[in-house]
Amino acid sequence: MNIRSILIGSVAALTSVSGAYAADAVVAAEPEAVEYVRVCDAYGTGYFYIPGSETCLKIGGYIRTEARFGRDRAGTSDWDFWTRAQVVFTSKSETEFGTLTGVINLRTNASNASNAGTFLNEGYIDIAGVRAGMQYSWWDDDPSGETDVVASNSTRHNSLRYQYETENFAAGVSLDELEYDSGYRGKPGETSNNLGVAGQVSAKFGGISGYLLGGYDTDTEEGAIRAIVYADLGPGQLGIYGVWASGANYYYEESEWTVGAQYVAKLNDKWAITPGVQYFGHTQLDADGEGFHGGDAWTAGLTIDYALADNLSTKLSVQYHDDDEKDDQVFGFLRLQRNF
């Protein structure tokens, strides 16, 4: 038998075996279709559907860096650089009770390479007007300029709140966990982990809007009331505000009373200039924290905003503060911020 006969015989044998097992051949599975991210426009721009669900998600935030100046900004130094990075995840979906919202806001502040930390700035659930979790209170809703001081201590709390809201009217009440920090002046012997109650009513009529806000510290048994009114006027908006406090309380304890005003002049799409002034009456707390005494104080300043490009802005704040009980000072910052 020659080599040609051997090769032909081998091919025939292999063909025979292959035919015998043809029914058992492995068939490659068809690849699954890729589910591309879909835009969700039901809640505004920036939302997309989480693949495989009907929940919409939006990712946003900003990077901010600024040079701060003022007396003893960092130890005995009168200036300090400071940077913040923040990212916000907002989820929304529809339920039989209305829109279900969840917010996770992570923030990192850094004054230098060894002094930086990330923390939960906000984290709450919101549905049918009810919001529960770590959140900013209504006391954080201050005028847009940098002159005003219309809240004391931290304006973030673990809270349970309800707000009824329409296009031109809102009213709500909240229960806030008040945890006194090092900045709290307060009554002697007060401890942390107490309860505060806040309520607000706001309305808008054409070019005029405003709200009335109150807060009661159940531990000190003192409270504060704040009112702010805005009116469209000329090329900008005028804001007038006032606060009164009965005594030492977590919501406001800077002075017994204060009044102030600002005007946001929108020069064009890029420039805005905001001069402001505020007067404080009786800035010293009584020894028992149940009232105020002492001299008065006032602050006057200017805030300049400039849009360098889309999502890139800069802000300059220069403020002068005169206090009967302390030395006068000039303070402020120069900020650069990139939003996304």
Protein backbone atom coordinates (compact mmCIF):
# COMPACT_ATOMS: atom_id res chain seq x y z
CA MET A 1 0.00 0.00 0.00
CA ASN A 2 1.48 3.35 -0.98
CA ILE A 3 1.26 6.65 0.87
CA ARG A 4 -1.53 7.92 -1.37
CA SER A 5 -3.78 5.03 -0.42
CA ILE A 6 -3.12 5.63 3.28
CA LEU A 7 -4.08 9.34 3.07
CA ILE A 8 -7.28 8.64 1.15
CA GLY A 9 -8.27 5.97 3.66
CA SER A 10 -7.65 8.31 6.59
CA VAL A 11 -9.79 11.08 5.13
CA ALA A 12 -12.63 8.64 4.50
CA ALA A 13 -12.46 7.38 8.06
CA LEU A 14 -12.53 10.88 9.55
CA THR A 15 -15.46 11.83 7.34
CA SER A 16 -17.34 8.78 8.54
CA VAL A 17 -16.74 9.57 12.22
CA SER A 18 -17.66 13.22 11.77
CA GLY A 19 -20.93 12.25 10.12
CA ALA A 20 -21.75 9.86 12.95
CA TYR A 21 -21.59 12.66 15.52
CA ALA A 22 -22.89 15.56 13.44
CA ALA A 23 -26.02 15.83 15.57
CA ASP A 24 -23.86 16.55 18.64
CA ALA A 25 -21.97 19.53 17.17
CA VAL A 26 -21.62 22.57 19.48
CA VAL A 27 -23.58 25.61 18.29
CA ALA A 28 -22.38 29.03 19.53
CA ALA A 29 -25.08 31.02 21.37
CA GLU A 30 -26.27 34.26 19.85
CA PRO A 31 -24.87 37.28 21.72
CA GLU A 32 -27.39 39.11 23.88
CA ALA A 33 -28.51 42.48 22.63
CA VAL A 34 -26.74 45.38 24.30
CA GLU A 35 -29.08 47.66 26.26
CA TYR A 36 -27.85 51.18 25.63
CA VAL A 37 -28.45 53.98 28.15
CA ARG A 38 -31.69 55.81 27.41
CA VAL A 39 -32.26 59.48 28.07
CA CYS A 40 -34.95 60.21 30.67
CA ASP A 41 -36.50 63.61 29.98
CA ALA A 42 -39.43 63.33 32.42
CA TYR A 43 -37.57 65.16 35.22
CA GLY A 44 -35.48 67.67 33.28
CA THR A 45 -32.07 67.57 31.63
CA GLY A 46 -29.28 65.27 32.71
CA TYR A 47 -31.35 62.21 33.71
CA PHE A 48 -30.95 58.76 32.17
CA TYR A 49 -32.59 55.40 32.83
CA ILE A 50 -30.58 52.95 34.91
CA PRO A 51 -30.30 49.92 32.56
CA GLY A 52 -32.88 47.27 33.33
CA SER A 53 -35.08 49.57 35.42
CA GLU A 54 -37.53 52.45 35.20
CA THR A 55 -35.53 54.55 37.64
CA CYS A 56 -33.94 57.73 36.32
CA LEU A 57 -30.56 58.89 37.59
CA LYS A 58 -28.73 62.20 37.37
CA ILE A 59 -25.08 62.79 38.30
CA GLY A 60 -23.88 66.32 38.93
CA GLY A 61 -21.65 68.38 41.16
CA TYR A 62 -18.89 70.95 41.14
CA ILE A 63 -15.23 71.61 41.89
CA ARG A 64 -14.53 74.84 43.78
CA THR A 65 -11.24 76.40 44.81
CA GLU A 66 -10.80 79.75 46.50
CA ALA A 67 -8.32 82.02 48.23
CA ARG A 68 -9.76 83.34 51.49
CA PHE A 69 -8.56 86.42 53.32
CA GLY A 70 -9.32 88.01 56.67
CA ARG A 71 -7.93 88.28 60.18
CA ASP A 72 -6.41 84.98 61.38
CA ARG A 73 -7.87 82.90 58.52
CA ALA A 74 -5.34 80.10 59.19
CA GLY A 75 -3.76 80.40 62.61
CA THR A 76 -2.07 83.78 62.63
CA SER A 77 -2.06 84.00 58.83
CA ASP A 78 -4.51 86.36 57.15
CA TRP A 79 -4.99 84.19 54.05
CA ASP A 80 -5.68 80.56 53.23
CA PHE A 81 -6.32 78.44 50.13
CA TRP A 82 -9.25 76.05 50.25
CA THR A 83 -10.77 73.50 47.81
CA ARG A 84 -14.03 71.55 47.65
CA ALA A 85 -15.15 68.69 45.40
CA GLN A 86 -18.80 67.63 45.45
CA VAL A 87 -20.76 64.97 43.57
CA VAL A 88 -24.55 64.54 43.75
CA PHE A 89 -26.53 61.44 42.72
CA THR A 90 -30.27 62.06 42.28
CA SER A 91 -32.66 59.19 41.51
CA LYS A 92 -36.33 59.52 40.56
CA SER A 93 -39.10 57.09 39.70
CA GLU A 94 -42.89 57.05 39.76
CA THR A 95 -45.00 55.27 42.38
CA GLU A 96 -48.67 55.20 43.32
CA PHE A 97 -47.85 57.94 45.87
CA GLY A 98 -46.11 60.20 43.36
CA THR A 99 -42.47 60.76 42.46
CA LEU A 100 -39.96 58.92 44.65
CA THR A 101 -36.68 60.83 44.98
CA GLY A 102 -33.41 59.75 46.55
CA VAL A 103 -30.39 62.04 46.93
CA ILE A 104 -26.80 61.19 47.86
CA ASN A 105 -24.52 64.23 48.14
CA LEU A 106 -20.85 63.50 48.85
CA ARG A 107 -18.51 66.37 49.66
CA THR A 108 -14.76 66.67 50.26
CA ASN A 109 -13.24 69.84 51.72
CA ALA A 110 -9.49 70.34 51.75
CA SER A 111 -7.56 73.24 53.24
CA ASN A 112 -4.25 71.45 52.66
CA ALA A 113 -2.87 68.03 51.67
CA SER A 114 -3.20 66.57 55.17
CA ASN A 115 -6.52 68.17 56.07
CA ALA A 116 -9.13 66.67 53.75
CA GLY A 117 -12.09 64.41 54.36
CA THR A 118 -15.13 63.11 52.52
CA PHE A 119 -18.49 63.07 54.25
CA LEU A 120 -22.19 62.71 53.54
CA ASN A 121 -23.34 66.26 52.94
CA GLU A 122 -26.90 65.17 52.20
CA GLY A 123 -28.66 61.83 52.03
CA TYR A 124 -32.44 61.71 52.05
CA ILE A 125 -35.61 60.10 50.69
CA ASP A 126 -38.43 62.31 49.40
CA ILE A 127 -41.94 61.22 48.43
CA ALA A 128 -45.38 62.87 48.49
CA GLY A 129 -43.98 65.99 50.20
CA VAL A 130 -42.29 63.99 52.98
CA ARG A 131 -38.49 64.16 53.24
CA ALA A 132 -36.44 62.08 55.70
CA GLY A 133 -32.70 61.96 56.26
CA MET A 134 -29.68 64.27 56.37
CA GLN A 135 -30.74 67.49 54.63
CA TYR A 136 -30.39 71.25 54.54
CA SER A 137 -33.06 73.05 56.52
CA TRP A 138 -35.05 76.07 55.36
CA TRP A 139 -32.65 78.17 57.45
CA ASP A 140 -30.04 77.51 54.76
CA ASP A 141 -32.11 79.42 52.18
CA ASP A 142 -30.33 82.76 52.47
CA PRO A 143 -29.91 85.64 49.98
CA SER A 144 -27.54 85.07 47.05
CA GLY A 145 -24.92 87.65 48.10
CA GLU A 146 -22.15 87.09 50.63
CA THR A 147 -22.88 89.94 53.07
CA ASP A 148 -25.75 88.39 55.02
CA VAL A 149 -25.66 86.28 58.19
CA VAL A 150 -29.23 85.03 58.69
CA ALA A 151 -28.62 81.63 60.34
CA SER A 152 -26.40 80.29 63.11
CA ASN A 153 -24.50 77.04 63.54
CA SER A 154 -24.97 74.19 61.05
CA THR A 155 -27.99 74.31 58.74
CA ARG A 156 -27.81 70.54 58.04
CA HIS A 157 -29.78 68.14 60.20
CA ASN A 158 -31.14 64.64 60.33
CA SER A 159 -34.74 65.73 59.87
CA LEU A 160 -38.24 64.61 59.09
CA ARG A 161 -40.22 67.24 57.25
CA TYR A 162 -43.37 67.73 55.24
CA GLN A 163 -43.93 70.46 52.67
CA TYR A 164 -47.05 71.23 50.67
CA GLU A 165 -46.09 72.98 47.47
CA THR A 166 -47.75 74.49 44.42
CA GLU A 167 -46.33 76.69 41.69
CA ASN A 168 -46.71 79.91 43.72
CA PHE A 169 -47.19 78.74 47.32
CA ALA A 170 -45.47 76.44 49.81
CA ALA A 171 -45.89 75.63 53.50
CA GLY A 172 -44.17 73.05 55.65
CA VAL A 173 -42.99 71.88 59.04
CA SER A 174 -39.88 69.93 60.10
CA LEU A 175 -38.53 68.10 63.14
CA ASP A 176 -34.75 68.60 63.35
CA GLU A 177 -32.13 66.83 65.42
CA LEU A 178 -29.99 69.66 66.84
CA GLU A 179 -26.45 68.64 67.69
CA TYR A 180 -24.57 71.53 69.27
CA ASP A 181 -21.09 72.08 67.87
CA SER A 182 -18.15 74.22 68.93
CA GLY A 183 -19.67 77.32 67.34
CA TYR A 184 -22.82 77.20 69.46
CA ARG A 185 -22.88 79.95 72.09
CA GLY A 186 -26.10 78.82 73.75
CA LYS A 187 -27.20 78.45 77.32
CA PRO A 188 -24.80 77.10 79.97
CA GLY A 189 -25.00 73.34 80.45
CA GLU A 190 -26.89 72.58 77.23
CA THR A 191 -26.02 69.22 75.69
CA SER A 192 -26.21 67.79 72.19
CA ASN A 193 -28.82 65.59 70.53
CA ASN A 194 -31.87 67.77 71.09
CA LEU A 195 -34.99 68.52 69.06
CA GLY A 196 -35.91 71.59 67.05
CA VAL A 197 -39.15 72.45 65.28
CA ALA A 198 -39.20 74.70 62.21
CA GLY A 199 -42.01 75.89 59.97
CA GLN A 200 -42.19 78.09 56.91
CA VAL A 201 -44.68 79.69 54.52
CA SER A 202 -43.63 81.13 51.15
CA ALA A 203 -45.47 82.70 48.22
CA LYS A 204 -44.83 84.37 44.89
CA PHE A 205 -46.93 87.05 43.19
CA GLY A 206 -45.58 88.17 39.84
CA GLY A 207 -42.18 89.77 40.38
CA ILE A 208 -42.46 89.67 44.20
CA SER A 209 -41.70 86.65 46.37
CA GLY A 210 -41.01 86.06 50.02
CA TYR A 211 -41.31 83.74 52.99
CA LEU A 212 -41.74 83.69 56.73
CA LEU A 213 -39.70 81.13 58.71
CA GLY A 214 -39.66 80.21 62.37
CA GLY A 215 -37.57 77.84 64.47
CA TYR A 216 -37.98 76.70 68.09
CA ASP A 217 -35.20 75.01 70.08
CA THR A 218 -37.01 72.76 72.56
CA ASP A 219 -33.91 72.36 74.75
CA THR A 220 -33.20 76.06 75.34
CA GLU A 221 -36.91 76.90 75.01
CA GLU A 222 -35.97 79.83 72.79
CA GLY A 223 -36.72 80.52 69.15
CA ALA A 224 -36.18 82.80 66.15
CA ILE A 225 -38.26 84.26 63.32
CA ARG A 226 -36.96 85.27 59.89
CA ALA A 227 -38.60 87.04 56.95
CA ILE A 228 -37.17 87.68 53.46
CA VAL A 229 -38.83 89.52 50.56
CA TYR A 230 -37.52 89.73 46.98
CA ALA A 231 -38.74 92.13 44.29
CA ASP A 232 -37.72 92.39 40.65
CA LEU A 233 -36.55 95.96 40.20
CA GLY A 234 -34.83 97.45 37.17
CA PRO A 235 -32.04 95.26 35.79
CA GLY A 236 -31.94 93.07 38.88
CA GLN A 237 -33.57 92.02 42.13
CA LEU A 238 -33.88 93.72 45.51
CA GLY A 239 -33.84 91.59 48.66
CA ILE A 240 -34.81 92.77 52.15
CA TYR A 241 -34.58 90.58 55.24
CA GLY A 242 -34.86 90.57 59.01
CA VAL A 243 -34.39 88.14 61.92
CA TRP A 244 -35.40 88.26 65.60
CA ALA A 245 -34.35 85.85 68.36
CA SER A 246 -35.84 85.50 71.84
CA GLY A 247 -32.59 84.16 73.30
CA ALA A 248 -29.90 81.56 72.72
CA ASN A 249 -31.15 78.97 70.23
CA TYR A 250 -29.56 76.80 67.56
CA TYR A 251 -31.31 78.43 64.59
CA TYR A 252 -30.19 82.04 65.22
CA GLU A 253 -28.12 83.58 68.00
CA GLU A 254 -25.89 86.15 66.28
CA SER A 255 -27.84 89.04 67.81
CA GLU A 256 -31.23 89.88 69.27
CA TRP A 257 -32.34 91.27 65.92
CA THR A 258 -30.95 92.13 62.52
CA VAL A 259 -32.08 93.77 59.28
CA GLY A 260 -30.37 93.89 55.91
CA ALA A 261 -30.72 94.41 52.20
CA GLN A 262 -28.98 93.53 48.95
CA TYR A 263 -29.43 94.31 45.27
CA VAL A 264 -28.40 91.85 42.54
CA ALA A 265 -27.58 93.94 39.46
CA LYS A 266 -27.44 91.67 36.41
CA LEU A 267 -25.34 93.72 34.01
CA ASN A 268 -25.45 91.10 31.24
CA ASP A 269 -25.30 87.33 30.75
CA LYS A 270 -21.82 87.18 32.28
CA TRP A 271 -21.62 89.89 34.95
CA ALA A 272 -23.59 90.37 38.19
CA ILE A 273 -22.74 92.77 41.01
CA THR A 274 -24.37 92.46 44.45
CA PRO A 275 -23.84 95.18 47.06
CA GLY A 276 -25.26 94.44 50.49
CA VAL A 277 -25.53 95.82 54.02
CA GLN A 278 -26.68 94.33 57.34
CA TYR A 279 -27.17 95.78 60.82
CA PHE A 280 -27.10 93.72 64.06
CA GLY A 281 -28.74 94.90 67.29
CA HIS A 282 -27.40 93.69 70.68
CA THR A 283 -24.74 91.14 69.73
CA GLN A 284 -23.89 89.79 73.20
CA LEU A 285 -25.76 86.95 74.90
CA ASP A 286 -26.80 87.28 78.53
CA ALA A 287 -24.95 84.96 80.92
CA ASP A 288 -28.00 82.72 81.24
CA GLY A 289 -28.63 82.76 77.48
CA GLU A 290 -32.19 84.03 77.91
CA GLY A 291 -31.64 87.40 76.24
CA PHE A 292 -29.17 89.77 74.61
CA HIS A 293 -27.28 92.92 75.54
CA GLY A 294 -24.21 94.86 74.49
CA GLY A 295 -23.42 96.93 71.47
CA ASP A 296 -24.40 96.76 67.85
CA ALA A 297 -22.58 95.80 64.65
CA TRP A 298 -22.89 96.23 60.91
CA THR A 299 -21.47 94.71 57.74
CA ALA A 300 -21.24 96.19 54.25
CA GLY A 301 -19.80 94.46 51.23
CA LEU A 302 -19.75 93.69 47.55
CA THR A 303 -20.00 90.41 45.65
CA ILE A 304 -18.99 90.21 41.97
CA ASP A 305 -19.91 87.20 39.81
CA TYR A 306 -18.48 86.58 36.35
CA ALA A 307 -19.19 83.63 34.02
CA LEU A 308 -15.89 82.79 32.34
CA ALA A 309 -17.47 80.09 30.15
CA ASP A 310 -20.29 77.57 30.23
CA ASN A 311 -20.17 75.84 33.64
CA LEU A 312 -17.11 77.87 34.68
CA SER A 313 -17.51 80.90 36.94
CA THR A 314 -15.61 83.12 39.33
CA LYS A 315 -16.77 85.06 42.38
CA LEU A 316 -15.13 87.84 44.39
CA SER A 317 -16.44 88.76 47.85
CA VAL A 318 -15.12 91.72 49.87
CA GLN A 319 -16.82 92.54 53.20
CA TYR A 320 -16.21 95.10 55.94
CA HIS A 321 -17.47 94.37 59.47
CA ASP A 322 -17.70 96.88 62.32
CA ASP A 323 -18.57 95.56 65.81
CA ASP A 324 -18.81 97.69 68.98
CA GLU A 325 -17.41 94.76 70.98
CA LYS A 326 -14.54 93.77 68.64
CA ASP A 327 -11.98 95.18 66.23
CA ASP A 328 -13.11 96.07 62.73
CA GLN A 329 -12.05 93.72 59.94
CA VAL A 330 -12.07 93.17 56.18
CA PHE A 331 -12.59 89.63 54.88
CA GLY A 332 -13.71 87.73 51.79
CA PHE A 333 -12.55 85.33 49.09
CA LEU A 334 -11.77 84.89 45.40
CA ARG A 335 -13.40 81.72 43.98
CA LEU A 336 -13.15 79.65 40.81
CA GLN A 337 -15.86 77.00 40.25
CA ARG A 338 -16.49 74.37 37.57
CA ASN A 339 -20.00 72.86 37.55
CA PHE A 340 -21.01 69.61 35.85
